[in-house]
Amino acid sequence: MSEEQPTITPYPDGPLLVRGDVELRTADGEPIPRKRRTVALCRCGLSTIKPFCDGTHKAAGFRTDD
């Protein structure tokens, strides 16, 4: 039986997509419940549902370094 390794993919000018079985925690170490195997994590800092992305980066003009 092979287990699929989790992946983290940074999207240009967007969120980090986390795929696979990973445990997310707050800065205080508390577990963050996940309802999906793939989640988008905010990189711009403006999301209203942090740590998850809500698409605010688009309207804010968030840009990542090349």
PDB file of N, CA and C in Angstrom:
ATOM      1  N   MET A   1       0.836  -1.176   0.000  1.00  0.00           N
ATOM      2  CA  MET A   1       0.000   0.000   0.000  1.00  0.00           C
ATOM      3  C   MET A   1       0.886   1.246   0.000  1.00  0.00           C
ATOM      4  N   SER A   2       0.672   2.153  -0.969  1.00  0.00           N
ATOM      5  CA  SER A   2       1.469   3.372  -0.998  1.00  0.00           C
ATOM      6  C   SER A   2       0.616   4.546  -0.538  1.00  0.00           C
ATOM      7  N   GLU A   3       1.195   5.340   0.327  1.00  0.00           N
ATOM      8  CA  GLU A   3       0.501   6.523   0.807  1.00  0.00           C
ATOM      9  C   GLU A   3       0.934   7.718  -0.018  1.00  0.00           C
ATOM     10  N   GLU A   4      -0.025   8.506  -0.437  1.00  0.00           N
ATOM     11  CA  GLU A   4       0.272   9.699  -1.206  1.00  0.00           C
ATOM     12  C   GLU A   4       0.859  10.762  -0.282  1.00  0.00           C
ATOM     13  N   GLN A   5       1.950  11.376  -0.712  1.00  0.00           N
ATOM     14  CA  GLN A   5       2.592  12.421   0.076  1.00  0.00           C
ATOM     15  C   GLN A   5       1.823  13.731  -0.076  1.00  0.00           C
ATOM     16  N   PRO A   6       1.676  14.488   1.012  1.00  0.00           N
ATOM     17  CA  PRO A   6       1.034  15.798   0.911  1.00  0.00           C
ATOM     18  C   PRO A   6       1.878  16.741   0.052  1.00  0.00           C
ATOM     19  N   THR A   7       1.221  17.683  -0.603  1.00  0.00           N
ATOM     20  CA  THR A   7       1.925  18.675  -1.400  1.00  0.00           C
ATOM     21  C   THR A   7       1.432  20.071  -1.048  1.00  0.00           C
ATOM     22  N   ILE A   8       2.312  21.046  -1.194  1.00  0.00           N
ATOM     23  CA  ILE A   8       1.970  22.448  -1.017  1.00  0.00           C
ATOM     24  C   ILE A   8       2.411  23.156  -2.290  1.00  0.00           C
ATOM     25  N   THR A   9       1.450  23.774  -2.988  1.00  0.00           N
ATOM     26  CA  THR A   9       1.729  24.431  -4.254  1.00  0.00           C
ATOM     27  C   THR A   9       1.415  25.918  -4.142  1.00  0.00           C
ATOM     28  N   PRO A  10       2.428  26.787  -4.275  1.00  0.00           N
ATOM     29  CA  PRO A  10       2.167  28.227  -4.272  1.00  0.00           C
ATOM     30  C   PRO A  10       1.654  28.656  -5.639  1.00  0.00           C
ATOM     31  N   TYR A  11       0.516  29.317  -5.660  1.00  0.00           N
ATOM     32  CA  TYR A  11      -0.018  29.824  -6.907  1.00  0.00           C
ATOM     33  C   TYR A  11       0.409  31.265  -7.102  1.00  0.00           C
ATOM     34  N   PRO A  12       0.893  31.618  -8.300  1.00  0.00           N
ATOM     35  CA  PRO A  12       1.330  32.993  -8.538  1.00  0.00           C
ATOM     36  C   PRO A  12       0.206  33.980  -8.214  1.00  0.00           C
ATOM     37  N   ASP A  13       0.531  34.976  -7.410  1.00  0.00           N
ATOM     38  CA  ASP A  13      -0.418  36.022  -7.024  1.00  0.00           C
ATOM     39  C   ASP A  13      -1.652  35.465  -6.320  1.00  0.00           C
ATOM     40  N   GLY A  14      -1.524  34.319  -5.670  1.00  0.00           N
ATOM     41  CA  GLY A  14      -2.666  33.691  -5.009  1.00  0.00           C
ATOM     42  C   GLY A  14      -2.264  32.885  -3.794  1.00  0.00           C
ATOM     43  N   PRO A  15      -3.133  31.954  -3.407  1.00  0.00           N
ATOM     44  CA  PRO A  15      -2.935  31.196  -2.171  1.00  0.00           C
ATOM     45  C   PRO A  15      -1.933  30.053  -2.305  1.00  0.00           C
ATOM     46  N   LEU A  16      -1.696  29.397  -1.179  1.00  0.00           N
ATOM     47  CA  LEU A  16      -0.969  28.127  -1.157  1.00  0.00           C
ATOM     48  C   LEU A  16      -2.025  27.030  -1.184  1.00  0.00           C
ATOM     49  N   LEU A  17      -1.932  26.110  -2.133  1.00  0.00           N
ATOM     50  CA  LEU A  17      -2.855  24.978  -2.156  1.00  0.00           C
ATOM     51  C   LEU A  17      -2.193  23.817  -1.442  1.00  0.00           C
ATOM     52  N   VAL A  18      -2.865  23.304  -0.430  1.00  0.00           N
ATOM     53  CA  VAL A  18      -2.362  22.185   0.361  1.00  0.00           C
ATOM     54  C   VAL A  18      -3.226  20.979   0.029  1.00  0.00           C
ATOM     55  N   ARG A  19      -2.579  19.947  -0.516  1.00  0.00           N
ATOM     56  CA  ARG A  19      -3.287  18.721  -0.896  1.00  0.00           C
ATOM     57  C   ARG A  19      -2.747  17.568  -0.064  1.00  0.00           C
ATOM     58  N   GLY A  20      -3.664  16.730   0.400  1.00  0.00           N
ATOM     59  CA  GLY A  20      -3.258  15.545   1.131  1.00  0.00           C
ATOM     60  C   GLY A  20      -3.567  15.641   2.608  1.00  0.00           C
ATOM     61  N   ASP A  21      -3.129  14.627   3.317  1.00  0.00           N
ATOM     62  CA  ASP A  21      -3.431  14.492   4.734  1.00  0.00           C
ATOM     63  C   ASP A  21      -2.386  15.221   5.573  1.00  0.00           C
ATOM     64  N   VAL A  22      -2.682  16.458   5.932  1.00  0.00           N
ATOM     65  CA  VAL A  22      -1.810  17.244   6.795  1.00  0.00           C
ATOM     66  C   VAL A  22      -2.654  17.822   7.925  1.00  0.00           C
ATOM     67  N   GLU A  23      -2.009  18.055   9.045  1.00  0.00           N
ATOM     68  CA  GLU A  23      -2.698  18.645  10.188  1.00  0.00           C
ATOM     69  C   GLU A  23      -2.345  20.125  10.255  1.00  0.00           C
ATOM     70  N   LEU A  24      -3.363  20.966  10.195  1.00  0.00           N
ATOM     71  CA  LEU A  24      -3.163  22.405  10.298  1.00  0.00           C
ATOM     72  C   LEU A  24      -3.380  22.827  11.746  1.00  0.00           C
ATOM     73  N   ARG A  25      -2.555  23.775  12.207  1.00  0.00           N
ATOM     74  CA  ARG A  25      -2.665  24.271  13.581  1.00  0.00           C
ATOM     75  C   ARG A  25      -2.588  25.787  13.605  1.00  0.00           C
ATOM     76  N   THR A  26      -3.194  26.390  14.631  1.00  0.00           N
ATOM     77  CA  THR A  26      -3.111  27.830  14.831  1.00  0.00           C
ATOM     78  C   THR A  26      -1.731  28.170  15.377  1.00  0.00           C
ATOM     79  N   ALA A  27      -1.445  29.462  15.490  1.00  0.00           N
ATOM     80  CA  ALA A  27      -0.173  29.901  16.067  1.00  0.00           C
ATOM     81  C   ALA A  27      -0.032  29.431  17.505  1.00  0.00           C
ATOM     82  N   ASP A  28      -1.160  29.191  18.177  1.00  0.00           N
ATOM     83  CA  ASP A  28      -1.153  28.702  19.554  1.00  0.00           C
ATOM     84  C   ASP A  28      -1.088  27.182  19.645  1.00  0.00           C
ATOM     85  N   GLY A  29      -1.041  26.505  18.497  1.00  0.00           N
ATOM     86  CA  GLY A  29      -0.927  25.059  18.493  1.00  0.00           C
ATOM     87  C   GLY A  29      -2.243  24.308  18.492  1.00  0.00           C
ATOM     88  N   GLU A  30      -3.354  25.036  18.409  1.00  0.00           N
ATOM     89  CA  GLU A  30      -4.664  24.375  18.383  1.00  0.00           C
ATOM     90  C   GLU A  30      -4.951  23.823  16.988  1.00  0.00           C
ATOM     91  N   PRO A  31      -5.493  22.615  16.891  1.00  0.00           N
ATOM     92  CA  PRO A  31      -5.817  22.048  15.580  1.00  0.00           C
ATOM     93  C   PRO A  31      -6.900  22.871  14.877  1.00  0.00           C
ATOM     94  N   ILE A  32      -6.754  22.995  13.573  1.00  0.00           N
ATOM     95  CA  ILE A  32      -7.757  23.669  12.749  1.00  0.00           C
ATOM     96  C   ILE A  32      -8.500  22.579  11.981  1.00  0.00           C
ATOM     97  N   PRO A  33      -9.814  22.463  12.197  1.00  0.00           N
ATOM     98  CA  PRO A  33     -10.575  21.418  11.500  1.00  0.00           C
ATOM     99  C   PRO A  33     -10.552  21.613   9.981  1.00  0.00           C
ATOM    100  N   ARG A  34     -10.423  20.506   9.266  1.00  0.00           N
ATOM    101  CA  ARG A  34     -10.459  20.526   7.804  1.00  0.00           C
ATOM    102  C   ARG A  34     -11.647  19.719   7.350  1.00  0.00           C
ATOM    103  N   LYS A  35     -12.332  20.221   6.333  1.00  0.00           N
ATOM    104  CA  LYS A  35     -13.479  19.505   5.787  1.00  0.00           C
ATOM    105  C   LYS A  35     -13.171  18.909   4.413  1.00  0.00           C
ATOM    106  N   ARG A  36     -11.985  19.269   3.872  1.00  0.00           N
ATOM    107  CA  ARG A  36     -11.594  18.804   2.538  1.00  0.00           C
ATOM    108  C   ARG A  36     -10.136  18.356   2.552  1.00  0.00           C
ATOM    109  N   ARG A  37      -9.784  17.503   1.583  1.00  0.00           N
ATOM    110  CA  ARG A  37      -8.383  17.082   1.466  1.00  0.00           C
ATOM    111  C   ARG A  37      -7.526  18.161   0.827  1.00  0.00           C
ATOM    112  N   THR A  38      -8.127  19.055   0.047  1.00  0.00           N
ATOM    113  CA  THR A  38      -7.403  20.161  -0.571  1.00  0.00           C
ATOM    114  C   THR A  38      -7.947  21.466  -0.019  1.00  0.00           C
ATOM    115  N   VAL A  39      -7.051  22.306   0.504  1.00  0.00           N
ATOM    116  CA  VAL A  39      -7.452  23.612   1.022  1.00  0.00           C
ATOM    117  C   VAL A  39      -6.532  24.686   0.467  1.00  0.00           C
ATOM    118  N   ALA A  40      -7.056  25.913   0.385  1.00  0.00           N
ATOM    119  CA  ALA A  40      -6.276  27.058  -0.072  1.00  0.00           C
ATOM    120  C   ALA A  40      -5.984  27.930   1.139  1.00  0.00           C
ATOM    121  N   LEU A  41      -4.700  28.172   1.410  1.00  0.00           N
ATOM    122  CA  LEU A  41      -4.294  28.996   2.539  1.00  0.00           C
ATOM    123  C   LEU A  41      -3.930  30.397   2.056  1.00  0.00           C
ATOM    124  N   CYS A  42      -4.398  31.397   2.794  1.00  0.00           N
ATOM    125  CA  CYS A  42      -4.180  32.799   2.458  1.00  0.00           C
ATOM    126  C   CYS A  42      -2.699  33.157   2.541  1.00  0.00           C
ATOM    127  N   ARG A  43      -2.221  33.911   1.548  1.00  0.00           N
ATOM    128  CA  ARG A  43      -0.859  34.459   1.584  1.00  0.00           C
ATOM    129  C   ARG A  43      -0.863  35.976   1.654  1.00  0.00           C
ATOM    130  N   CYS A  44      -1.989  36.606   1.310  1.00  0.00           N
ATOM    131  CA  CYS A  44      -1.997  38.071   1.270  1.00  0.00           C
ATOM    132  C   CYS A  44      -2.270  38.690   2.639  1.00  0.00           C
ATOM    133  N   GLY A  45      -2.842  37.911   3.557  1.00  0.00           N
ATOM    134  CA  GLY A  45      -3.138  38.415   4.892  1.00  0.00           C
ATOM    135  C   GLY A  45      -4.451  39.166   5.007  1.00  0.00           C
ATOM    136  N   LEU A  46      -5.238  39.215   3.945  1.00  0.00           N
ATOM    137  CA  LEU A  46      -6.475  40.001   3.946  1.00  0.00           C
ATOM    138  C   LEU A  46      -7.752  39.163   4.027  1.00  0.00           C
ATOM    139  N   SER A  47      -7.647  37.862   3.987  1.00  0.00           N
ATOM    140  CA  SER A  47      -8.816  36.989   4.002  1.00  0.00           C
ATOM    141  C   SER A  47      -9.614  37.157   5.297  1.00  0.00           C
ATOM    142  N   THR A  48     -10.930  37.086   5.182  1.00  0.00           N
ATOM    143  CA  THR A  48     -11.793  37.158   6.367  1.00  0.00           C
ATOM    144  C   THR A  48     -12.004  35.784   6.989  1.00  0.00           C
ATOM    145  N   ILE A  49     -11.486  34.736   6.349  1.00  0.00           N
ATOM    146  CA  ILE A  49     -11.635  33.382   6.896  1.00  0.00           C
ATOM    147  C   ILE A  49     -10.272  32.724   7.109  1.00  0.00           C
ATOM    148  N   LYS A  50      -9.291  33.524   7.527  1.00  0.00           N
ATOM    149  CA  LYS A  50      -7.937  33.020   7.765  1.00  0.00           C
ATOM    150  C   LYS A  50      -7.969  31.808   8.674  1.00  0.00           C
ATOM    151  N   PRO A  51      -7.120  30.853   8.421  1.00  0.00           N
ATOM    152  CA  PRO A  51      -5.984  30.860   7.517  1.00  0.00           C
ATOM    153  C   PRO A  51      -6.357  30.527   6.074  1.00  0.00           C
ATOM    154  N   PHE A  52      -7.642  30.339   5.795  1.00  0.00           N
ATOM    155  CA  PHE A  52      -8.057  29.943   4.456  1.00  0.00           C
ATOM    156  C   PHE A  52      -8.249  31.158   3.558  1.00  0.00           C
ATOM    157  N   CYS A  53      -8.096  30.939   2.268  1.00  0.00           N
ATOM    158  CA  CYS A  53      -8.228  31.994   1.267  1.00  0.00           C
ATOM    159  C   CYS A  53      -9.700  32.216   0.939  1.00  0.00           C
ATOM    160  N   ASP A  54     -10.097  33.484   0.824  1.00  0.00           N
ATOM    161  CA  ASP A  54     -11.460  33.816   0.402  1.00  0.00           C
ATOM    162  C   ASP A  54     -11.488  34.582  -0.914  1.00  0.00           C
ATOM    163  N   GLY A  55     -10.341  34.685  -1.586  1.00  0.00           N
ATOM    164  CA  GLY A  55     -10.264  35.356  -2.878  1.00  0.00           C
ATOM    165  C   GLY A  55      -9.990  36.850  -2.800  1.00  0.00           C
ATOM    166  N   THR A  56      -9.846  37.408  -1.597  1.00  0.00           N
ATOM    167  CA  THR A  56      -9.614  38.840  -1.424  1.00  0.00           C
ATOM    168  C   THR A  56      -8.350  39.308  -2.137  1.00  0.00           C
ATOM    169  N   HIS A  57      -7.380  38.424  -2.308  1.00  0.00           N
ATOM    170  CA  HIS A  57      -6.119  38.804  -2.947  1.00  0.00           C
ATOM    171  C   HIS A  57      -6.332  39.390  -4.341  1.00  0.00           C
ATOM    172  N   LYS A  58      -7.362  38.927  -5.041  1.00  0.00           N
ATOM    173  CA  LYS A  58      -7.617  39.419  -6.396  1.00  0.00           C
ATOM    174  C   LYS A  58      -7.972  40.901  -6.379  1.00  0.00           C
ATOM    175  N   ALA A  59      -8.961  41.277  -5.558  1.00  0.00           N
ATOM    176  CA  ALA A  59      -9.404  42.676  -5.486  1.00  0.00           C
ATOM    177  C   ALA A  59      -8.325  43.575  -4.914  1.00  0.00           C
ATOM    178  N   ALA A  60      -7.496  43.025  -4.019  1.00  0.00           N
ATOM    179  CA  ALA A  60      -6.451  43.820  -3.368  1.00  0.00           C
ATOM    180  C   ALA A  60      -5.226  44.011  -4.258  1.00  0.00           C
ATOM    181  N   GLY A  61      -5.146  43.242  -5.358  1.00  0.00           N
ATOM    182  CA  GLY A  61      -3.993  43.347  -6.240  1.00  0.00           C
ATOM    183  C   GLY A  61      -2.745  42.700  -5.682  1.00  0.00           C
ATOM    184  N   PHE A  62      -2.914  41.690  -4.830  1.00  0.00           N
ATOM    185  CA  PHE A  62      -1.777  40.980  -4.232  1.00  0.00           C
ATOM    186  C   PHE A  62      -0.889  40.382  -5.319  1.00  0.00           C
ATOM    187  N   ARG A  63       0.410  40.585  -5.192  1.00  0.00           N
ATOM    188  CA  ARG A  63       1.377  40.040  -6.135  1.00  0.00           C
ATOM    189  C   ARG A  63       2.499  39.327  -5.394  1.00  0.00           C
ATOM    190  N   THR A  64       2.904  38.190  -5.928  1.00  0.00           N
ATOM    191  CA  THR A  64       4.031  37.466  -5.356  1.00  0.00           C
ATOM    192  C   THR A  64       5.286  37.822  -6.135  1.00  0.00           C
ATOM    193  N   ASP A  65       6.428  37.566  -5.528  1.00  0.00           N
ATOM    194  CA  ASP A  65       7.706  37.787  -6.223  1.00  0.00           C
ATOM    195  C   ASP A  65       7.873  36.718  -7.296  1.00  0.00           C
ATOM    196  N   ASP A  66       8.539  37.068  -8.369  1.00  0.00           N
ATOM    197  CA  ASP A  66       8.794  36.085  -9.440  1.00  0.00           C
ATOM    198  C   ASP A  66       9.797  35.067  -8.994  1.00  0.00           C
TER     199      ASP A  66
END
